[in-house]
Amino acid sequence: MVIAFVLGTQNPALVKVDYIIASSEVPLASLMSLCVVFGLVLGLLLGIGKITQLKRQIRQQQRVNQSTQRKAVND
């Protein structure tokens, strides 16, 4: 975020952004800040999803291990 701020303040020019159905001109600093924030949010969401998936796998494996240990003790 600091890098985007520094680069944005050094480049105050307007940048044309083309959307699918429209276009607009925004300051470079705003565009860079928006992209950095969007990247951070996307990374966090993907990271949280992966962490949740791995925790679920750990719980499932712990259940399998416990049942295997019970069978070994009973035999």
Protein backbone atom coordinates (compact mmCIF):
# COMPACT_ATOMS: atom_id res chain seq x y z
CA MET A 1 0.00 0.00 0.00
CA VAL A 2 2.89 2.34 0.79
CA ILE A 3 4.48 1.63 -2.59
CA ALA A 4 1.20 2.38 -4.35
CA PHE A 5 0.89 5.62 -2.40
CA VAL A 6 4.44 6.72 -3.21
CA LEU A 7 4.11 5.86 -6.89
CA GLY A 8 0.70 7.49 -7.04
CA THR A 9 1.88 10.74 -5.53
CA GLN A 10 4.79 10.84 -7.95
CA ASN A 11 2.43 10.23 -10.89
CA PRO A 12 -0.63 12.47 -10.46
CA ALA A 13 -1.76 12.01 -14.05
CA LEU A 14 -5.21 10.78 -14.99
CA VAL A 15 -5.42 7.31 -16.46
CA LYS A 16 -8.17 6.12 -18.80
CA VAL A 17 -9.77 2.90 -17.59
CA ASP A 18 -11.94 0.94 -20.03
CA TYR A 19 -14.65 -1.21 -18.49
CA ILE A 20 -16.76 -3.71 -20.40
CA ILE A 21 -19.53 -1.20 -21.12
CA ALA A 22 -17.97 2.15 -20.19
CA SER A 23 -14.74 4.00 -19.56
CA SER A 24 -13.57 6.70 -17.20
CA GLU A 25 -10.51 8.65 -16.20
CA VAL A 26 -9.23 8.22 -12.65
CA PRO A 27 -6.09 9.43 -10.88
CA LEU A 28 -3.25 6.94 -11.04
CA ALA A 29 -2.93 6.91 -7.24
CA SER A 30 -6.57 5.88 -6.83
CA LEU A 31 -6.28 3.17 -9.46
CA MET A 32 -3.13 1.73 -7.92
CA SER A 33 -4.59 1.82 -4.41
CA LEU A 34 -7.76 0.11 -5.62
CA CYS A 35 -5.77 -2.63 -7.34
CA VAL A 36 -3.62 -3.23 -4.25
CA VAL A 37 -6.66 -3.44 -1.96
CA PHE A 38 -8.49 -5.72 -4.40
CA GLY A 39 -5.44 -8.00 -4.58
CA LEU A 40 -5.16 -8.16 -0.80
CA VAL A 41 -8.84 -8.96 -0.34
CA LEU A 42 -8.74 -11.63 -3.06
CA GLY A 43 -5.62 -13.17 -1.53
CA LEU A 44 -7.18 -13.21 1.93
CA LEU A 45 -10.37 -14.84 0.67
CA LEU A 46 -8.46 -17.54 -1.19
CA GLY A 47 -6.17 -18.08 1.80
CA ILE A 48 -9.07 -18.40 4.22
CA GLY A 49 -10.74 -20.89 1.90
CA LYS A 50 -7.60 -23.03 1.69
CA ILE A 51 -7.04 -22.89 5.47
CA THR A 52 -10.64 -23.97 6.08
CA GLN A 53 -10.23 -26.86 3.64
CA LEU A 54 -7.01 -28.01 5.31
CA LYS A 55 -8.53 -27.82 8.80
CA ARG A 56 -11.42 -29.98 7.61
CA GLN A 57 -8.96 -32.54 6.24
CA ILE A 58 -7.06 -32.55 9.53
CA ARG A 59 -10.26 -33.23 11.52
CA GLN A 60 -11.19 -36.08 9.17
CA GLN A 61 -7.73 -37.61 9.45
CA GLN A 62 -7.81 -37.31 13.24
CA ARG A 63 -11.10 -39.25 13.30
CA VAL A 64 -9.59 -41.97 11.12
CA ASN A 65 -6.52 -42.14 13.37
CA GLN A 66 -8.65 -42.39 16.53
CA SER A 67 -10.76 -45.21 15.09
CA THR A 68 -7.62 -47.04 13.96
CA GLN A 69 -6.10 -46.70 17.44
CA ARG A 70 -9.28 -48.03 19.06
CA LYS A 71 -9.26 -51.06 16.77
CA ALA A 72 -5.58 -51.71 17.55
CA VAL A 73 -6.19 -51.52 21.31
CA ASN A 74 -9.23 -53.85 21.11
CA ASP A 75 -7.36 -56.45 19.09
